[in-house]
Amino acid sequence: MRWSNEDTKLLQEWGYPQDDIDQIKRARKFVMLELSNKEVEDKKISIDKAIEILGREDFLSGLSRASFHWTSVRENDKGDSVYFDCSNMFKGW
């Protein structure tokens, strides 16, 4: 995933200050993503695949939540759920 100026602008619109945005960007290096739906349960996927499934805005929403609360889940309108796990980012805290 390549970070864009639009990503930063969207997070700013949601009220995130720059320090928080820096943590969200850092979380990309730690996040583990899993897909669940009617056909598959807990299949590891890439960031690009998660963006394809959720769309960029919902992906950023899930990443931003997990980057401060360890985990989050986002679901698309087809019933596909993507689980975000950033717990590795907090090891040693």
PDB file of N, CA and C in Angstrom:
ATOM      1  N   MET A   1       0.842  -1.188   0.000  1.00  0.00           N
ATOM      2  CA  MET A   1       0.000   0.000   0.000  1.00  0.00           C
ATOM      3  C   MET A   1       0.876   1.236   0.000  1.00  0.00           C
ATOM      4  N   ARG A   2       0.613   2.063  -0.916  1.00  0.00           N
ATOM      5  CA  ARG A   2       1.318   3.329  -0.990  1.00  0.00           C
ATOM      6  C   ARG A   2       0.442   4.393  -0.351  1.00  0.00           C
ATOM      7  N   TRP A   3       0.980   5.100   0.628  1.00  0.00           N
ATOM      8  CA  TRP A   3       0.238   6.153   1.332  1.00  0.00           C
ATOM      9  C   TRP A   3       0.091   7.351   0.419  1.00  0.00           C
ATOM     10  N   SER A   4      -1.104   7.925   0.378  1.00  0.00           N
ATOM     11  CA  SER A   4      -1.339   9.072  -0.491  1.00  0.00           C
ATOM     12  C   SER A   4      -1.719  10.302   0.328  1.00  0.00           C
ATOM     13  N   ASN A   5      -1.618  11.449  -0.299  1.00  0.00           N
ATOM     14  CA  ASN A   5      -2.059  12.692   0.338  1.00  0.00           C
ATOM     15  C   ASN A   5      -3.549  12.633   0.652  1.00  0.00           C
ATOM     16  N   GLU A   6      -4.306  11.927  -0.179  1.00  0.00           N
ATOM     17  CA  GLU A   6      -5.743  11.788   0.054  1.00  0.00           C
ATOM     18  C   GLU A   6      -6.010  10.992   1.330  1.00  0.00           C
ATOM     19  N   ASP A   7      -5.164  10.002   1.606  1.00  0.00           N
ATOM     20  CA  ASP A   7      -5.303   9.239   2.854  1.00  0.00           C
ATOM     21  C   ASP A   7      -5.127  10.164   4.054  1.00  0.00           C
ATOM     22  N   THR A   8      -4.097  10.975   4.022  1.00  0.00           N
ATOM     23  CA  THR A   8      -3.841  11.919   5.105  1.00  0.00           C
ATOM     24  C   THR A   8      -4.992  12.907   5.240  1.00  0.00           C
ATOM     25  N   LYS A   9      -5.471  13.432   4.124  1.00  0.00           N
ATOM     26  CA  LYS A   9      -6.578  14.395   4.165  1.00  0.00           C
ATOM     27  C   LYS A   9      -7.836  13.773   4.768  1.00  0.00           C
ATOM     28  N   LEU A  10      -8.127  12.533   4.399  1.00  0.00           N
ATOM     29  CA  LEU A  10      -9.310  11.868   4.925  1.00  0.00           C
ATOM     30  C   LEU A  10      -9.206  11.697   6.444  1.00  0.00           C
ATOM     31  N   LEU A  11      -8.058  11.247   6.918  1.00  0.00           N
ATOM     32  CA  LEU A  11      -7.876  11.078   8.356  1.00  0.00           C
ATOM     33  C   LEU A  11      -7.958  12.418   9.083  1.00  0.00           C
ATOM     34  N   GLN A  12      -7.450  13.474   8.477  1.00  0.00           N
ATOM     35  CA  GLN A  12      -7.578  14.804   9.069  1.00  0.00           C
ATOM     36  C   GLN A  12      -9.042  15.225   9.138  1.00  0.00           C
ATOM     37  N   GLU A  13      -9.807  14.922   8.092  1.00  0.00           N
ATOM     38  CA  GLU A  13     -11.238  15.233   8.101  1.00  0.00           C
ATOM     39  C   GLU A  13     -11.962  14.481   9.213  1.00  0.00           C
ATOM     40  N   TRP A  14     -11.487  13.291   9.520  1.00  0.00           N
ATOM     41  CA  TRP A  14     -12.075  12.494  10.603  1.00  0.00           C
ATOM     42  C   TRP A  14     -11.627  12.984  11.970  1.00  0.00           C
ATOM     43  N   GLY A  15     -10.706  13.948  12.002  1.00  0.00           N
ATOM     44  CA  GLY A  15     -10.277  14.540  13.262  1.00  0.00           C
ATOM     45  C   GLY A  15      -8.960  14.051  13.822  1.00  0.00           C
ATOM     46  N   TYR A  16      -8.232  13.245  13.072  1.00  0.00           N
ATOM     47  CA  TYR A  16      -6.954  12.746  13.575  1.00  0.00           C
ATOM     48  C   TYR A  16      -5.882  13.829  13.469  1.00  0.00           C
ATOM     49  N   PRO A  17      -5.142  14.081  14.561  1.00  0.00           N
ATOM     50  CA  PRO A  17      -3.988  14.986  14.484  1.00  0.00           C
ATOM     51  C   PRO A  17      -2.807  14.276  13.821  1.00  0.00           C
ATOM     52  N   GLN A  18      -1.787  15.020  13.451  1.00  0.00           N
ATOM     53  CA  GLN A  18      -0.655  14.460  12.715  1.00  0.00           C
ATOM     54  C   GLN A  18       0.041  13.338  13.470  1.00  0.00           C
ATOM     55  N   ASP A  19       0.201  13.452  14.786  1.00  0.00           N
ATOM     56  CA  ASP A  19       0.852  12.379  15.547  1.00  0.00           C
ATOM     57  C   ASP A  19       0.084  11.066  15.411  1.00  0.00           C
ATOM     58  N   ASP A  20      -1.238  11.134  15.425  1.00  0.00           N
ATOM     59  CA  ASP A  20      -2.057   9.936  15.259  1.00  0.00           C
ATOM     60  C   ASP A  20      -1.930   9.376  13.849  1.00  0.00           C
ATOM     61  N   ILE A  21      -1.891  10.256  12.865  1.00  0.00           N
ATOM     62  CA  ILE A  21      -1.732   9.813  11.481  1.00  0.00           C
ATOM     63  C   ILE A  21      -0.398   9.091  11.309  1.00  0.00           C
ATOM     64  N   ASP A  22       0.642   9.597  11.957  1.00  0.00           N
ATOM     65  CA  ASP A  22       1.951   8.933  11.895  1.00  0.00           C
ATOM     66  C   ASP A  22       1.867   7.523  12.485  1.00  0.00           C
ATOM     67  N   GLN A  23       1.118   7.350  13.572  1.00  0.00           N
ATOM     68  CA  GLN A  23       0.959   6.019  14.164  1.00  0.00           C
ATOM     69  C   GLN A  23       0.156   5.105  13.244  1.00  0.00           C
ATOM     70  N   ILE A  24      -0.866   5.636  12.600  1.00  0.00           N
ATOM     71  CA  ILE A  24      -1.669   4.843  11.660  1.00  0.00           C
ATOM     72  C   ILE A  24      -0.798   4.387  10.485  1.00  0.00           C
ATOM     73  N   LYS A  25       0.014   5.288   9.964  1.00  0.00           N
ATOM     74  CA  LYS A  25       0.920   4.926   8.872  1.00  0.00           C
ATOM     75  C   LYS A  25       1.893   3.831   9.320  1.00  0.00           C
ATOM     76  N   ARG A  26       2.395   3.944  10.543  1.00  0.00           N
ATOM     77  CA  ARG A  26       3.327   2.956  11.085  1.00  0.00           C
ATOM     78  C   ARG A  26       2.650   1.595  11.229  1.00  0.00           C
ATOM     79  N   ALA A  27       1.378   1.598  11.549  1.00  0.00           N
ATOM     80  CA  ALA A  27       0.640   0.353  11.765  1.00  0.00           C
ATOM     81  C   ALA A  27       0.616  -0.528  10.518  1.00  0.00           C
ATOM     82  N   ARG A  28       0.759   0.061   9.342  1.00  0.00           N
ATOM     83  CA  ARG A  28       0.772  -0.734   8.111  1.00  0.00           C
ATOM     84  C   ARG A  28       1.859  -1.792   8.119  1.00  0.00           C
ATOM     85  N   LYS A  29       2.962  -1.524   8.819  1.00  0.00           N
ATOM     86  CA  LYS A  29       4.080  -2.466   8.870  1.00  0.00           C
ATOM     87  C   LYS A  29       3.793  -3.645   9.796  1.00  0.00           C
ATOM     88  N   PHE A  30       2.830  -3.496  10.695  1.00  0.00           N
ATOM     89  CA  PHE A  30       2.548  -4.516  11.699  1.00  0.00           C
ATOM     90  C   PHE A  30       1.229  -5.252  11.484  1.00  0.00           C
ATOM     91  N   VAL A  31       0.319  -4.657  10.741  1.00  0.00           N
ATOM     92  CA  VAL A  31      -1.037  -5.201  10.670  1.00  0.00           C
ATOM     93  C   VAL A  31      -1.059  -6.586  10.023  1.00  0.00           C
ATOM     94  N   MET A  32      -1.826  -7.460  10.650  1.00  0.00           N
ATOM     95  CA  MET A  32      -2.131  -8.769  10.074  1.00  0.00           C
ATOM     96  C   MET A  32      -3.611  -8.735   9.724  1.00  0.00           C
ATOM     97  N   LEU A  33      -3.939  -9.188   8.542  1.00  0.00           N
ATOM     98  CA  LEU A  33      -5.308  -9.108   8.028  1.00  0.00           C
ATOM     99  C   LEU A  33      -5.835 -10.493   7.728  1.00  0.00           C
ATOM    100  N   GLU A  34      -7.085 -10.732   8.115  1.00  0.00           N
ATOM    101  CA  GLU A  34      -7.726 -12.009   7.823  1.00  0.00           C
ATOM    102  C   GLU A  34      -9.108 -11.762   7.247  1.00  0.00           C
ATOM    103  N   LEU A  35      -9.459 -12.560   6.262  1.00  0.00           N
ATOM    104  CA  LEU A  35     -10.762 -12.497   5.603  1.00  0.00           C
ATOM    105  C   LEU A  35     -11.650 -13.605   6.140  1.00  0.00           C
ATOM    106  N   SER A  36     -12.894 -13.263   6.407  1.00  0.00           N
ATOM    107  CA  SER A  36     -13.907 -14.259   6.755  1.00  0.00           C
ATOM    108  C   SER A  36     -15.162 -13.965   5.944  1.00  0.00           C
ATOM    109  N   ASN A  37     -15.764 -15.010   5.418  1.00  0.00           N
ATOM    110  CA  ASN A  37     -17.059 -14.896   4.742  1.00  0.00           C
ATOM    111  C   ASN A  37     -17.720 -16.273   4.763  1.00  0.00           C
ATOM    112  N   LYS A  38     -18.768 -16.463   3.988  1.00  0.00           N
ATOM    113  CA  LYS A  38     -19.483 -17.744   3.998  1.00  0.00           C
ATOM    114  C   LYS A  38     -18.630 -18.897   3.487  1.00  0.00           C
ATOM    115  N   GLU A  39     -17.667 -18.599   2.622  1.00  0.00           N
ATOM    116  CA  GLU A  39     -16.857 -19.646   2.015  1.00  0.00           C
ATOM    117  C   GLU A  39     -15.525 -19.885   2.707  1.00  0.00           C
ATOM    118  N   VAL A  40     -15.005 -18.887   3.393  1.00  0.00           N
ATOM    119  CA  VAL A  40     -13.673 -19.008   3.984  1.00  0.00           C
ATOM    120  C   VAL A  40     -13.692 -18.363   5.368  1.00  0.00           C
ATOM    121  N   GLU A  41     -12.919 -18.949   6.255  1.00  0.00           N
ATOM    122  CA  GLU A  41     -12.827 -18.395   7.598  1.00  0.00           C
ATOM    123  C   GLU A  41     -11.362 -18.183   7.940  1.00  0.00           C
ATOM    124  N   ASP A  42     -11.021 -16.968   8.320  1.00  0.00           N
ATOM    125  CA  ASP A  42      -9.685 -16.627   8.790  1.00  0.00           C
ATOM    126  C   ASP A  42      -8.579 -16.909   7.775  1.00  0.00           C
ATOM    127  N   LYS A  43      -8.757 -16.445   6.569  1.00  0.00           N
ATOM    128  CA  LYS A  43      -7.726 -16.566   5.537  1.00  0.00           C
ATOM    129  C   LYS A  43      -6.887 -15.293   5.554  1.00  0.00           C
ATOM    130  N   LYS A  44      -5.581 -15.441   5.703  1.00  0.00           N
ATOM    131  CA  LYS A  44      -4.698 -14.278   5.701  1.00  0.00           C
ATOM    132  C   LYS A  44      -4.706 -13.631   4.322  1.00  0.00           C
ATOM    133  N   ILE A  45      -4.766 -12.295   4.333  1.00  0.00           N
ATOM    134  CA  ILE A  45      -4.778 -11.543   3.077  1.00  0.00           C
ATOM    135  C   ILE A  45      -3.813 -10.365   3.177  1.00  0.00           C
ATOM    136  N   SER A  46      -3.497  -9.798   2.026  1.00  0.00           N
ATOM    137  CA  SER A  46      -2.590  -8.655   1.957  1.00  0.00           C
ATOM    138  C   SER A  46      -3.361  -7.350   2.155  1.00  0.00           C
ATOM    139  N   ILE A  47      -2.624  -6.293   2.360  1.00  0.00           N
ATOM    140  CA  ILE A  47      -3.231  -4.966   2.456  1.00  0.00           C
ATOM    141  C   ILE A  47      -3.965  -4.637   1.164  1.00  0.00           C
ATOM    142  N   ASP A  48      -3.338  -4.900   0.044  1.00  0.00           N
ATOM    143  CA  ASP A  48      -3.982  -4.583  -1.238  1.00  0.00           C
ATOM    144  C   ASP A  48      -5.284  -5.361  -1.419  1.00  0.00           C
ATOM    145  N   LYS A  49      -5.312  -6.617  -0.992  1.00  0.00           N
ATOM    146  CA  LYS A  49      -6.533  -7.416  -1.086  1.00  0.00           C
ATOM    147  C   LYS A  49      -7.605  -6.865  -0.150  1.00  0.00           C
ATOM    148  N   ALA A  50      -7.213  -6.442   1.046  1.00  0.00           N
ATOM    149  CA  ALA A  50      -8.168  -5.849   1.987  1.00  0.00           C
ATOM    150  C   ALA A  50      -8.776  -4.569   1.409  1.00  0.00           C
ATOM    151  N   ILE A  51      -7.960  -3.762   0.757  1.00  0.00           N
ATOM    152  CA  ILE A  51      -8.464  -2.538   0.122  1.00  0.00           C
ATOM    153  C   ILE A  51      -9.424  -2.890  -1.006  1.00  0.00           C
ATOM    154  N   GLU A  52      -9.099  -3.922  -1.765  1.00  0.00           N
ATOM    155  CA  GLU A  52      -9.985  -4.376  -2.841  1.00  0.00           C
ATOM    156  C   GLU A  52     -11.342  -4.825  -2.281  1.00  0.00           C
ATOM    157  N   ILE A  53     -11.327  -5.513  -1.167  1.00  0.00           N
ATOM    158  CA  ILE A  53     -12.556  -6.036  -0.561  1.00  0.00           C
ATOM    159  C   ILE A  53     -13.389  -4.929   0.087  1.00  0.00           C
ATOM    160  N   LEU A  54     -12.725  -4.030   0.805  1.00  0.00           N
ATOM    161  CA  LEU A  54     -13.432  -3.030   1.603  1.00  0.00           C
ATOM    162  C   LEU A  54     -13.564  -1.669   0.938  1.00  0.00           C
ATOM    163  N   GLY A  55     -12.663  -1.353   0.053  1.00  0.00           N
ATOM    164  CA  GLY A  55     -12.529   0.023  -0.431  1.00  0.00           C
ATOM    165  C   GLY A  55     -11.542   0.745   0.469  1.00  0.00           C
ATOM    166  N   ARG A  56     -10.926   1.765  -0.063  1.00  0.00           N
ATOM    167  CA  ARG A  56      -9.849   2.436   0.667  1.00  0.00           C
ATOM    168  C   ARG A  56     -10.335   3.117   1.945  1.00  0.00           C
ATOM    169  N   GLU A  57     -11.489   3.744   1.905  1.00  0.00           N
ATOM    170  CA  GLU A  57     -11.996   4.467   3.067  1.00  0.00           C
ATOM    171  C   GLU A  57     -12.279   3.511   4.238  1.00  0.00           C
ATOM    172  N   ASP A  58     -12.969   2.422   3.983  1.00  0.00           N
ATOM    173  CA  ASP A  58     -13.242   1.461   5.051  1.00  0.00           C
ATOM    174  C   ASP A  58     -11.962   0.777   5.522  1.00  0.00           C
ATOM    175  N   PHE A  59     -11.022   0.551   4.607  1.00  0.00           N
ATOM    176  CA  PHE A  59      -9.740   0.000   5.023  1.00  0.00           C
ATOM    177  C   PHE A  59      -9.049   0.948   5.998  1.00  0.00           C
ATOM    178  N   LEU A  60      -8.993   2.230   5.649  1.00  0.00           N
ATOM    179  CA  LEU A  60      -8.349   3.205   6.542  1.00  0.00           C
ATOM    180  C   LEU A  60      -9.076   3.299   7.874  1.00  0.00           C
ATOM    181  N   SER A  61     -10.382   3.177   7.849  1.00  0.00           N
ATOM    182  CA  SER A  61     -11.155   3.188   9.081  1.00  0.00           C
ATOM    183  C   SER A  61     -10.749   2.018   9.981  1.00  0.00           C
ATOM    184  N   GLY A  62     -10.645   0.833   9.409  1.00  0.00           N
ATOM    185  CA  GLY A  62     -10.246  -0.341  10.178  1.00  0.00           C
ATOM    186  C   GLY A  62      -8.818  -0.255  10.678  1.00  0.00           C
ATOM    187  N   LEU A  63      -7.921   0.214   9.822  1.00  0.00           N
ATOM    188  CA  LEU A  63      -6.523   0.359  10.215  1.00  0.00           C
ATOM    189  C   LEU A  63      -6.377   1.395  11.314  1.00  0.00           C
ATOM    190  N   SER A  64      -7.074   2.512  11.181  1.00  0.00           N
ATOM    191  CA  SER A  64      -6.943   3.560  12.190  1.00  0.00           C
ATOM    192  C   SER A  64      -7.450   3.076  13.545  1.00  0.00           C
ATOM    193  N   ARG A  65      -8.536   2.341  13.559  1.00  0.00           N
ATOM    194  CA  ARG A  65      -9.060   1.803  14.817  1.00  0.00           C
ATOM    195  C   ARG A  65      -8.071   0.810  15.431  1.00  0.00           C
ATOM    196  N   ALA A  66      -7.574  -0.113  14.636  1.00  0.00           N
ATOM    197  CA  ALA A  66      -6.668  -1.138  15.148  1.00  0.00           C
ATOM    198  C   ALA A  66      -5.327  -0.555  15.592  1.00  0.00           C
ATOM    199  N   SER A  67      -4.922   0.553  15.007  1.00  0.00           N
ATOM    200  CA  SER A  67      -3.621   1.129  15.348  1.00  0.00           C
ATOM    201  C   SER A  67      -3.615   1.757  16.744  1.00  0.00           C
ATOM    202  N   PHE A  68      -4.786   1.897  17.354  1.00  0.00           N
ATOM    203  CA  PHE A  68      -4.876   2.409  18.721  1.00  0.00           C
ATOM    204  C   PHE A  68      -5.535   1.421  19.680  1.00  0.00           C
ATOM    205  N   HIS A  69      -6.274   0.450  19.158  1.00  0.00           N
ATOM    206  CA  HIS A  69      -7.039  -0.477  19.997  1.00  0.00           C
ATOM    207  C   HIS A  69      -6.688  -1.935  19.702  1.00  0.00           C
ATOM    208  N   TRP A  70      -5.559  -2.173  19.087  1.00  0.00           N
ATOM    209  CA  TRP A  70      -5.029  -3.498  18.776  1.00  0.00           C
ATOM    210  C   TRP A  70      -5.751  -4.169  17.619  1.00  0.00           C
ATOM    211  N   THR A  71      -7.089  -4.214  17.660  1.00  0.00           N
ATOM    212  CA  THR A  71      -7.823  -4.939  16.626  1.00  0.00           C
ATOM    213  C   THR A  71      -9.062  -4.169  16.184  1.00  0.00           C
ATOM    214  N   SER A  72      -9.580  -4.552  15.046  1.00  0.00           N
ATOM    215  CA  SER A  72     -10.861  -4.039  14.559  1.00  0.00           C
ATOM    216  C   SER A  72     -11.360  -4.974  13.465  1.00  0.00           C
ATOM    217  N   VAL A  73     -12.612  -4.787  13.075  1.00  0.00           N
ATOM    218  CA  VAL A  73     -13.216  -5.556  11.997  1.00  0.00           C
ATOM    219  C   VAL A  73     -14.028  -4.606  11.138  1.00  0.00           C
ATOM    220  N   ARG A  74     -13.950  -4.785   9.831  1.00  0.00           N
ATOM    221  CA  ARG A  74     -14.794  -4.031   8.902  1.00  0.00           C
ATOM    222  C   ARG A  74     -15.429  -5.029   7.953  1.00  0.00           C
ATOM    223  N   GLU A  75     -16.671  -4.742   7.567  1.00  0.00           N
ATOM    224  CA  GLU A  75     -17.432  -5.646   6.709  1.00  0.00           C
ATOM    225  C   GLU A  75     -17.938  -4.872   5.496  1.00  0.00           C
ATOM    226  N   ASN A  76     -17.912  -5.530   4.341  1.00  0.00           N
ATOM    227  CA  ASN A  76     -18.459  -4.905   3.146  1.00  0.00           C
ATOM    228  C   ASN A  76     -19.926  -5.310   2.971  1.00  0.00           C
ATOM    229  N   ASP A  77     -20.571  -4.780   1.944  1.00  0.00           N
ATOM    230  CA  ASP A  77     -22.001  -5.040   1.738  1.00  0.00           C
ATOM    231  C   ASP A  77     -22.295  -6.454   1.224  1.00  0.00           C
ATOM    232  N   LYS A  78     -21.251  -7.229   0.898  1.00  0.00           N
ATOM    233  CA  LYS A  78     -21.429  -8.613   0.453  1.00  0.00           C
ATOM    234  C   LYS A  78     -21.286  -9.615   1.597  1.00  0.00           C
ATOM    235  N   GLY A  79     -20.994  -9.111   2.792  1.00  0.00           N
ATOM    236  CA  GLY A  79     -20.825  -9.989   3.942  1.00  0.00           C
ATOM    237  C   GLY A  79     -19.408 -10.463   4.174  1.00  0.00           C
ATOM    238  N   ASP A  80     -18.446  -9.894   3.457  1.00  0.00           N
ATOM    239  CA  ASP A  80     -17.040 -10.222   3.681  1.00  0.00           C
ATOM    240  C   ASP A  80     -16.524  -9.381   4.841  1.00  0.00           C
ATOM    241  N   SER A  81     -15.912 -10.031   5.822  1.00  0.00           N
ATOM    242  CA  SER A  81     -15.340  -9.329   6.968  1.00  0.00           C
ATOM    243  C   SER A  81     -13.825  -9.386   6.905  1.00  0.00           C
ATOM    244  N   VAL A  82     -13.198  -8.255   7.184  1.00  0.00           N
ATOM    245  CA  VAL A  82     -11.745  -8.200   7.277  1.00  0.00           C
ATOM    246  C   VAL A  82     -11.405  -7.848   8.719  1.00  0.00           C
ATOM    247  N   TYR A  83     -10.598  -8.709   9.343  1.00  0.00           N
ATOM    248  CA  TYR A  83     -10.151  -8.544  10.710  1.00  0.00           C
ATOM    249  C   TYR A  83      -8.758  -7.928  10.680  1.00  0.00           C
ATOM    250  N   PHE A  84      -8.580  -6.836  11.402  1.00  0.00           N
ATOM    251  CA  PHE A  84      -7.309  -6.109  11.498  1.00  0.00           C
ATOM    252  C   PHE A  84      -6.686  -6.416  12.854  1.00  0.00           C
ATOM    253  N   ASP A  85      -5.436  -6.827  12.869  1.00  0.00           N
ATOM    254  CA  ASP A  85      -4.736  -7.111  14.122  1.00  0.00           C
ATOM    255  C   ASP A  85      -3.401  -6.377  14.116  1.00  0.00           C
ATOM    256  N   CYS A  86      -3.298  -5.353  14.955  1.00  0.00           N
ATOM    257  CA  CYS A  86      -2.048  -4.579  15.089  1.00  0.00           C
ATOM    258  C   CYS A  86      -1.380  -4.842  16.441  1.00  0.00           C
ATOM    259  N   SER A  87      -1.731  -5.937  17.094  1.00  0.00           N
ATOM    260  CA  SER A  87      -1.220  -6.191  18.440  1.00  0.00           C
ATOM    261  C   SER A  87       0.300  -6.274  18.484  1.00  0.00           C
ATOM    262  N   ASN A  88       0.941  -6.723  17.411  1.00  0.00           N
ATOM    263  CA  ASN A  88       2.394  -6.793  17.390  1.00  0.00           C
ATOM    264  C   ASN A  88       3.046  -5.424  17.549  1.00  0.00           C
ATOM    265  N   MET A  89       2.347  -4.392  17.170  1.00  0.00           N
ATOM    266  CA  MET A  89       2.873  -3.040  17.282  1.00  0.00           C
ATOM    267  C   MET A  89       3.013  -2.629  18.754  1.00  0.00           C
ATOM    268  N   PHE A  90       2.251  -3.266  19.632  1.00  0.00           N
ATOM    269  CA  PHE A  90       2.228  -2.878  21.041  1.00  0.00           C
ATOM    270  C   PHE A  90       3.075  -3.777  21.928  1.00  0.00           C
ATOM    271  N   LYS A  91       3.738  -4.750  21.357  1.00  0.00           N
ATOM    272  CA  LYS A  91       4.582  -5.636  22.181  1.00  0.00           C
ATOM    273  C   LYS A  91       5.700  -4.829  22.823  1.00  0.00           C
ATOM    274  N   GLY A  92       5.880  -5.067  24.103  1.00  0.00           N
ATOM    275  CA  GLY A  92       6.930  -4.368  24.829  1.00  0.00           C
ATOM    276  C   GLY A  92       6.473  -3.064  25.462  1.00  0.00           C
ATOM    277  N   TRP A  93       5.202  -2.723  25.302  1.00  0.00           N
ATOM    278  CA  TRP A  93       4.715  -1.481  25.927  1.00  0.00           C
ATOM    279  C   TRP A  93       4.300  -1.742  27.330  1.00  0.00           C
TER     280      TRP A  93
END
